[in-house]
Amino acid sequence: MEPWITAEDPTGVTITVQVIPRARKNQVVGPQGDALKLRIAAPPVEGAANEALIAFLAEALGLRKRDLSLHAGEHGRRKVVRIEGLDAAAVATRLLRKVTL
């Protein structure tokens, strides 16, 4: 299991992400220590970056936005996201396939 996948149970997984807001575009940068580094185009103002993060991850994973939730890190760059409906292997495969340098 990837170090950024922090928990797995029968209903889904929890991942840790490091978010860089105000990027040119949304993209998965790749693993960085125990987090998955992401660039998000939205600014960190009034929850815009958090909403964009959930929308981007949902699209990348092929899920609905309601299948993802922010569990920690609402006001920081390091966040914990809960993903319902996929196992750890599927999450890792789908997100690592999106890595761009």
Foldseek 3Di string as FASTA:
>chain_A
DQLQFDDWDPFFTKGKAQEAELDPDWAFAQDDVNHTYIYHNHDLPPQPRVLRVLVVLCVLLVHDSVQKDWDDDSPHRITMMIGGDDGPVSSCVSRVVGHDD
